[in-house]
Amino acid sequence: MATPIEVHRVTKRFGTITALHSVSLEVREGEMFGLVGPDGAGKTTLLRLLAGIAQPDEGVVRVLGHDLAHKAPHIRPYIGYMSQRFSLYADLTVAENLRFFARMHGTEAERTWQEQLLEMTGLAPFRHRLAEHLSGGMKQKLALICTLVYRPRLLLLDEPTTGVDPVARRQFWQLLVQFQQEGLTIVLATPYLDEAERCQRVGLMHHGHLLALDTPQALRAALPGRLFELTATPIREAARRLRSWLEPHRVQLIGNRIHLLLDSETALEGLCHRLESDGSVRLSACQPIAPTLENVFLAYLLQEEQKLIDDKR
């Protein structure tokens, strides 16, 4: 398959801070690719490199077959980039914002396409409303179509649904899926693991490192062992004991539950008996569960943290 994005051993620094550490990845034609991680993971920095807004300190970024170090001005017209702080013009209407961005990219004459975008997003009835009077979800939709109005081949989205209500978030994703099905290649950064499940492939990022990259299904299948869920009282004491007995990535405290990665039910039975042996911890439930990307991500994070601890010793 074609590879519109190729990132090879890219490192980016800001003063003494290394935002990306030797990151390598590829994105395929027509793919929905997710960059997943918390704030500070390096997602925004990587998107800015892909958009040609910044240059790496080391490594190569190739977009649509061209090295952005030399061809960024020629490639930018084919890239749609929607940043976290996409700036709409508050004193312009929905239609005026759309026409303005079309004019900026020399596509103002394509009024039919503008109308299609308004209809697809449900913004047509609000074409005369000022942008400052739109809801959060409607502003995000307008930002999206202002990015798509010049028909880019590649769409880069930086946490596009952050702060958007659940209904608007679902509608936004329906639009992304529709555009992707029409052949658009989409790379999106998100802190939401449920959104990552919708992507064909995802890259898990933390502190500038790419921890893992694969399909959500493959990442879940790669977890070592079976996953079990425990509820206990007191929960933190139970987690503390389990972590003292097991490798750190095998014990995940999620809210008022403990998730355990174990080799077998026999191993689980032995741990439960050991927990309750002195009466200070009481188990109320224990059952096998299907792993999620949250479990995968936490396992990688705990392994990474343990590696840092071991390196300091």
Protein backbone atom coordinates (compact mmCIF):
# COMPACT_ATOMS: atom_id res chain seq x y z
CA MET A 1 0.00 0.00 0.00
CA ALA A 2 1.08 3.62 -0.57
CA THR A 3 2.65 5.42 2.41
CA PRO A 4 1.71 9.12 2.41
CA ILE A 5 3.59 9.56 5.70
CA GLU A 6 7.03 8.18 6.56
CA VAL A 7 8.76 9.18 9.78
CA HIS A 8 12.26 7.77 10.28
CA ARG A 9 14.13 8.09 13.59
CA VAL A 10 12.85 11.60 14.27
CA THR A 11 14.01 13.55 17.30
CA LYS A 12 12.79 17.03 18.24
CA ARG A 13 14.13 19.18 21.06
CA PHE A 14 13.01 22.42 22.64
CA GLY A 15 15.97 23.69 24.60
CA THR A 16 16.82 21.06 27.20
CA ILE A 17 13.53 19.19 26.65
CA THR A 18 13.40 16.35 24.12
CA ALA A 19 9.81 16.26 22.87
CA LEU A 20 10.34 13.30 20.51
CA HIS A 21 12.90 10.52 20.94
CA SER A 22 13.88 8.73 17.70
CA VAL A 23 10.29 8.11 16.55
CA SER A 24 9.67 6.00 13.45
CA LEU A 25 6.31 5.17 11.86
CA GLU A 26 4.41 4.98 8.59
CA VAL A 27 0.81 5.87 7.73
CA ARG A 28 -0.91 4.13 4.83
CA GLU A 29 -3.09 5.62 2.11
CA GLY A 30 -6.71 6.06 3.24
CA GLU A 31 -5.94 5.02 6.80
CA MET A 32 -7.30 6.45 10.04
CA PHE A 33 -4.21 6.52 12.26
CA GLY A 34 -4.36 7.48 15.93
CA LEU A 35 -1.62 9.01 18.07
CA VAL A 36 -2.63 8.23 21.64
CA GLY A 37 -1.19 9.54 24.86
CA PRO A 38 -1.58 12.06 27.69
CA ASP A 39 -0.52 15.71 27.61
CA GLY A 40 3.22 15.96 27.07
CA ALA A 41 3.42 12.69 25.15
CA GLY A 42 4.69 14.41 21.98
CA LYS A 43 1.55 14.08 19.87
CA THR A 44 1.22 17.77 18.98
CA THR A 45 4.94 18.07 18.21
CA LEU A 46 4.73 15.14 15.80
CA LEU A 47 1.66 16.58 14.06
CA ARG A 48 3.42 19.93 13.64
CA LEU A 49 6.34 18.14 11.99
CA LEU A 50 3.94 16.30 9.67
CA ALA A 51 2.27 19.60 8.77
CA GLY A 52 5.63 21.16 7.87
CA ILE A 53 5.24 23.82 10.55
CA ALA A 54 8.37 22.67 12.38
CA GLN A 55 11.47 20.72 11.39
CA PRO A 56 13.06 17.78 13.23
CA ASP A 57 16.47 18.09 14.82
CA GLU A 58 17.31 14.58 13.69
CA GLY A 59 15.71 12.11 11.30
CA VAL A 60 13.53 12.44 8.20
CA VAL A 61 9.84 13.26 7.71
CA ARG A 62 8.42 12.39 4.28
CA VAL A 63 4.87 13.40 3.40
CA LEU A 64 3.22 12.49 0.09
CA GLY A 65 6.58 11.24 -1.15
CA HIS A 66 8.58 14.39 -0.35
CA ASP A 67 11.10 15.24 2.36
CA LEU A 68 9.54 18.14 4.27
CA ALA A 69 12.98 19.54 5.07
CA HIS A 70 13.19 20.63 1.42
CA LYS A 71 9.64 20.61 0.04
CA ALA A 72 7.40 21.81 2.89
CA PRO A 73 6.03 24.91 1.04
CA HIS A 74 5.10 22.75 -1.97
CA ILE A 75 3.37 20.06 0.14
CA ARG A 76 1.43 22.24 2.63
CA PRO A 77 -1.43 22.94 0.15
CA TYR A 78 -2.20 19.20 0.20
CA ILE A 79 -2.29 19.00 4.00
CA GLY A 80 -5.25 19.94 6.17
CA TYR A 81 -4.13 20.73 9.73
CA MET A 82 -6.62 21.41 12.52
CA SER A 83 -4.76 22.43 15.67
CA GLN A 84 -6.08 22.38 19.23
CA ARG A 85 -6.55 26.15 18.98
CA PHE A 86 -8.00 26.43 15.51
CA SER A 87 -8.89 30.10 15.09
CA LEU A 88 -12.30 30.88 13.64
CA TYR A 89 -13.25 34.48 13.09
CA ALA A 90 -15.82 35.20 15.78
CA ASP A 91 -17.25 38.23 13.96
CA LEU A 92 -17.85 36.29 10.73
CA THR A 93 -20.78 33.98 10.09
CA VAL A 94 -20.45 30.26 9.42
CA ALA A 95 -20.68 30.82 5.66
CA GLU A 96 -18.28 33.77 5.75
CA ASN A 97 -15.67 31.75 7.64
CA LEU A 98 -15.95 28.97 5.10
CA ARG A 99 -15.64 31.35 2.14
CA PHE A 100 -12.68 33.09 3.76
CA PHE A 101 -10.67 29.86 4.12
CA ALA A 102 -11.67 28.82 0.61
CA ARG A 103 -10.41 32.16 -0.73
CA MET A 104 -7.13 31.79 1.18
CA HIS A 105 -6.47 28.53 -0.67
CA GLY A 106 -7.75 29.63 -4.05
CA THR A 107 -10.87 27.42 -4.05
CA GLU A 108 -13.55 30.05 -3.52
CA ALA A 109 -15.17 29.17 -6.86
CA GLU A 110 -16.14 25.70 -5.57
CA ARG A 111 -19.38 26.90 -4.00
CA THR A 112 -21.04 23.51 -4.58
CA TRP A 113 -18.41 21.82 -2.40
CA GLN A 114 -18.92 24.46 0.31
CA GLU A 115 -22.64 23.77 0.30
CA GLN A 116 -22.02 20.04 0.50
CA LEU A 117 -19.79 20.52 3.54
CA LEU A 118 -22.44 22.65 5.26
CA GLU A 119 -25.10 20.03 4.56
CA MET A 120 -22.93 17.10 5.65
CA THR A 121 -22.15 18.70 9.01
CA GLY A 122 -25.67 19.99 9.66
CA LEU A 123 -24.42 23.58 9.67
CA ALA A 124 -26.50 24.69 6.67
CA PRO A 125 -29.38 26.04 8.83
CA PHE A 126 -26.82 28.12 10.79
CA ARG A 127 -24.94 29.56 7.82
CA HIS A 128 -25.81 33.13 8.89
CA ARG A 129 -24.97 32.67 12.57
CA LEU A 130 -21.83 34.36 13.89
CA ALA A 131 -19.10 31.90 14.86
CA GLU A 132 -18.92 33.34 18.38
CA HIS A 133 -22.52 32.23 18.95
CA LEU A 134 -21.96 28.59 18.00
CA SER A 135 -21.82 25.76 20.53
CA GLY A 136 -18.52 23.99 21.14
CA GLY A 137 -19.48 21.07 18.93
CA MET A 138 -20.61 23.32 16.10
CA LYS A 139 -17.38 25.30 16.28
CA GLN A 140 -15.42 22.07 15.90
CA LYS A 141 -17.51 21.09 12.88
CA LEU A 142 -16.92 24.50 11.32
CA ALA A 143 -13.19 24.22 12.01
CA LEU A 144 -13.21 20.82 10.32
CA ILE A 145 -14.92 21.96 7.12
CA CYS A 146 -12.74 25.09 6.95
CA THR A 147 -9.82 22.65 6.93
CA LEU A 148 -11.46 20.46 4.27
CA VAL A 149 -12.75 23.25 2.02
CA TYR A 150 -9.62 23.15 -0.16
CA ARG A 151 -9.78 19.31 -0.53
CA PRO A 152 -6.52 18.24 1.15
CA ARG A 153 -5.15 14.75 0.57
CA LEU A 154 -4.06 14.38 4.18
CA LEU A 155 -5.94 15.53 7.29
CA LEU A 156 -4.09 16.13 10.59
CA LEU A 157 -6.26 16.64 13.68
CA ASP A 158 -4.92 17.58 17.11
CA GLU A 159 -7.33 16.42 19.82
CA PRO A 160 -10.38 17.59 17.84
CA THR A 161 -13.02 16.45 20.35
CA THR A 162 -11.46 17.71 23.58
CA GLY A 163 -14.06 19.69 25.52
CA VAL A 164 -16.91 18.66 23.20
CA ASP A 165 -20.10 17.14 24.62
CA PRO A 166 -20.74 13.39 23.99
CA VAL A 167 -23.40 13.93 21.32
CA ALA A 168 -21.27 16.38 19.31
CA ARG A 169 -18.29 14.09 19.76
CA ARG A 170 -20.20 11.17 18.24
CA GLN A 171 -21.38 13.33 15.33
CA PHE A 172 -17.82 14.54 14.72
CA TRP A 173 -16.59 10.96 14.51
CA GLN A 174 -19.35 10.04 12.09
CA LEU A 175 -18.06 12.81 9.82
CA LEU A 176 -14.47 11.58 10.09
CA VAL A 177 -15.48 8.04 9.17
CA GLN A 178 -17.45 9.36 6.20
CA PHE A 179 -14.51 11.41 4.90
CA GLN A 180 -12.13 8.51 5.43
CA GLN A 181 -14.41 6.17 3.48
CA GLU A 182 -14.18 8.63 0.60
CA GLY A 183 -10.39 8.12 0.54
CA LEU A 184 -9.02 10.78 2.87
CA THR A 185 -5.97 9.80 4.95
CA ILE A 186 -6.45 10.95 8.55
CA VAL A 187 -3.96 11.20 11.40
CA LEU A 188 -5.46 12.24 14.67
CA ALA A 189 -4.02 12.86 18.14
CA THR A 190 -6.28 11.97 21.03
CA PRO A 191 -6.05 11.35 24.78
CA TYR A 192 -9.21 9.21 24.57
CA LEU A 193 -8.60 5.47 24.29
CA ASP A 194 -12.19 4.79 23.18
CA GLU A 195 -11.52 7.03 20.16
CA ALA A 196 -8.32 5.13 19.45
CA GLU A 197 -10.39 1.94 19.15
CA ARG A 198 -11.99 3.46 16.02
CA CYS A 199 -8.64 3.80 14.22
CA GLN A 200 -7.19 1.20 11.88
CA ARG A 201 -3.84 1.49 13.68
CA VAL A 202 -2.64 3.41 16.70
CA GLY A 203 0.68 4.58 18.09
CA LEU A 204 0.89 4.70 21.89
CA MET A 205 3.06 7.64 23.00
CA HIS A 206 4.53 8.72 26.33
CA HIS A 207 7.18 11.37 27.08
CA GLY A 208 8.16 11.56 23.42
CA HIS A 209 8.61 7.81 23.01
CA LEU A 210 6.55 5.62 20.70
CA LEU A 211 5.80 2.71 23.04
CA ALA A 212 3.90 0.52 20.58
CA LEU A 213 2.28 0.66 17.15
CA ASP A 214 -0.28 -1.76 15.71
CA THR A 215 -3.98 -2.33 15.24
CA PRO A 216 -6.08 -2.08 18.42
CA GLN A 217 -6.92 -5.78 18.08
CA ALA A 218 -3.25 -6.80 17.80
CA LEU A 219 -2.24 -4.62 20.74
CA ARG A 220 -4.91 -6.17 22.94
CA ALA A 221 -3.94 -9.68 21.83
CA ALA A 222 -0.28 -9.00 22.68
CA LEU A 223 -0.98 -8.54 26.40
CA PRO A 224 0.99 -11.17 28.36
CA GLY A 225 -1.50 -13.63 29.83
CA ARG A 226 -5.17 -13.35 30.76
CA LEU A 227 -6.87 -10.35 32.33
CA PHE A 228 -8.82 -10.60 35.58
CA GLU A 229 -10.75 -7.95 37.52
CA LEU A 230 -10.78 -7.83 41.32
CA THR A 231 -12.69 -5.71 43.77
CA ALA A 232 -11.36 -5.65 47.30
CA THR A 233 -11.47 -3.73 50.57
CA PRO A 234 -9.29 -1.78 51.16
CA ILE A 235 -8.50 -1.54 47.47
CA ARG A 236 -5.18 0.33 47.73
CA GLU A 237 -3.75 -2.08 50.26
CA ALA A 238 -4.70 -4.99 48.01
CA ALA A 239 -2.99 -3.29 45.05
CA ARG A 240 0.12 -2.52 47.13
CA ARG A 241 0.49 -6.17 48.15
CA LEU A 242 -0.08 -7.48 44.64
CA ARG A 243 2.54 -5.10 43.26
CA SER A 244 5.05 -6.35 45.80
CA TRP A 245 4.48 -9.92 44.57
CA LEU A 246 4.16 -9.39 40.81
CA GLU A 247 5.85 -7.47 37.97
CA PRO A 248 4.52 -3.87 38.05
CA HIS A 249 2.81 -3.99 34.63
CA ARG A 250 0.69 -6.95 35.79
CA VAL A 251 -1.18 -4.91 38.43
CA GLN A 252 -3.35 -2.00 37.29
CA LEU A 253 -5.44 0.05 39.73
CA ILE A 254 -8.35 1.51 37.77
CA GLY A 255 -10.78 3.44 39.96
CA ASN A 256 -12.15 1.02 42.57
CA ARG A 257 -11.02 -2.08 40.65
CA ILE A 258 -7.78 -3.96 40.20
CA HIS A 259 -6.91 -5.51 36.84
CA LEU A 260 -4.44 -8.39 36.92
CA LEU A 261 -2.48 -9.86 34.02
CA LEU A 262 -1.82 -13.49 34.95
CA ASP A 263 -0.85 -16.71 33.23
CA SER A 264 -3.77 -18.78 34.51
CA GLU A 265 -6.75 -19.03 36.84
CA THR A 266 -4.61 -21.21 39.09
CA ALA A 267 -2.23 -18.29 39.60
CA LEU A 268 -5.21 -16.08 40.40
CA GLU A 269 -6.54 -18.50 43.01
CA GLY A 270 -3.17 -18.55 44.74
CA LEU A 271 -3.00 -14.74 44.85
CA CYS A 272 -6.54 -14.41 46.19
CA HIS A 273 -5.83 -16.92 48.95
CA ARG A 274 -2.64 -15.07 49.85
CA LEU A 275 -4.43 -11.70 49.94
CA GLU A 276 -7.10 -12.92 52.35
CA SER A 277 -4.83 -15.07 54.48
CA ASP A 278 -4.46 -12.61 57.40
CA GLY A 279 -7.96 -11.10 57.22
CA SER A 280 -6.82 -7.52 56.50
CA VAL A 281 -8.03 -7.60 52.89
CA ARG A 282 -11.47 -8.83 51.84
CA LEU A 283 -12.24 -9.78 48.22
CA SER A 284 -15.79 -9.17 47.01
CA ALA A 285 -15.50 -10.13 43.31
CA CYS A 286 -13.05 -11.72 40.92
CA GLN A 287 -13.73 -12.46 37.26
CA PRO A 288 -12.02 -12.74 33.86
CA ILE A 289 -12.57 -9.74 31.53
CA ALA A 290 -11.71 -8.79 27.96
CA PRO A 291 -8.74 -6.39 27.71
CA THR A 292 -9.13 -2.85 26.39
CA LEU A 293 -6.60 -0.40 24.98
CA GLU A 294 -6.55 1.21 28.42
CA ASN A 295 -5.12 -2.03 29.82
CA VAL A 296 -2.56 -2.17 27.01
CA PHE A 297 -1.50 1.44 27.54
CA LEU A 298 -1.22 1.07 31.30
CA ALA A 299 0.87 -2.08 30.89
CA TYR A 300 3.33 -0.23 28.64
CA LEU A 301 3.43 2.79 30.96
CA LEU A 302 4.14 0.64 34.02
CA GLN A 303 6.88 -1.22 32.14
CA GLU A 304 8.40 2.11 31.07
CA GLU A 305 8.32 3.47 34.61
CA GLN A 306 9.93 0.30 35.98
CA LYS A 307 12.64 0.54 33.32
CA LEU A 308 13.43 4.12 34.40
CA ILE A 309 13.62 3.00 38.05
CA ASP A 310 15.94 0.12 37.15
CA ASP A 311 18.17 2.42 35.05
CA LYS A 312 18.66 4.77 38.02
CA ARG A 313 19.80 1.97 40.31
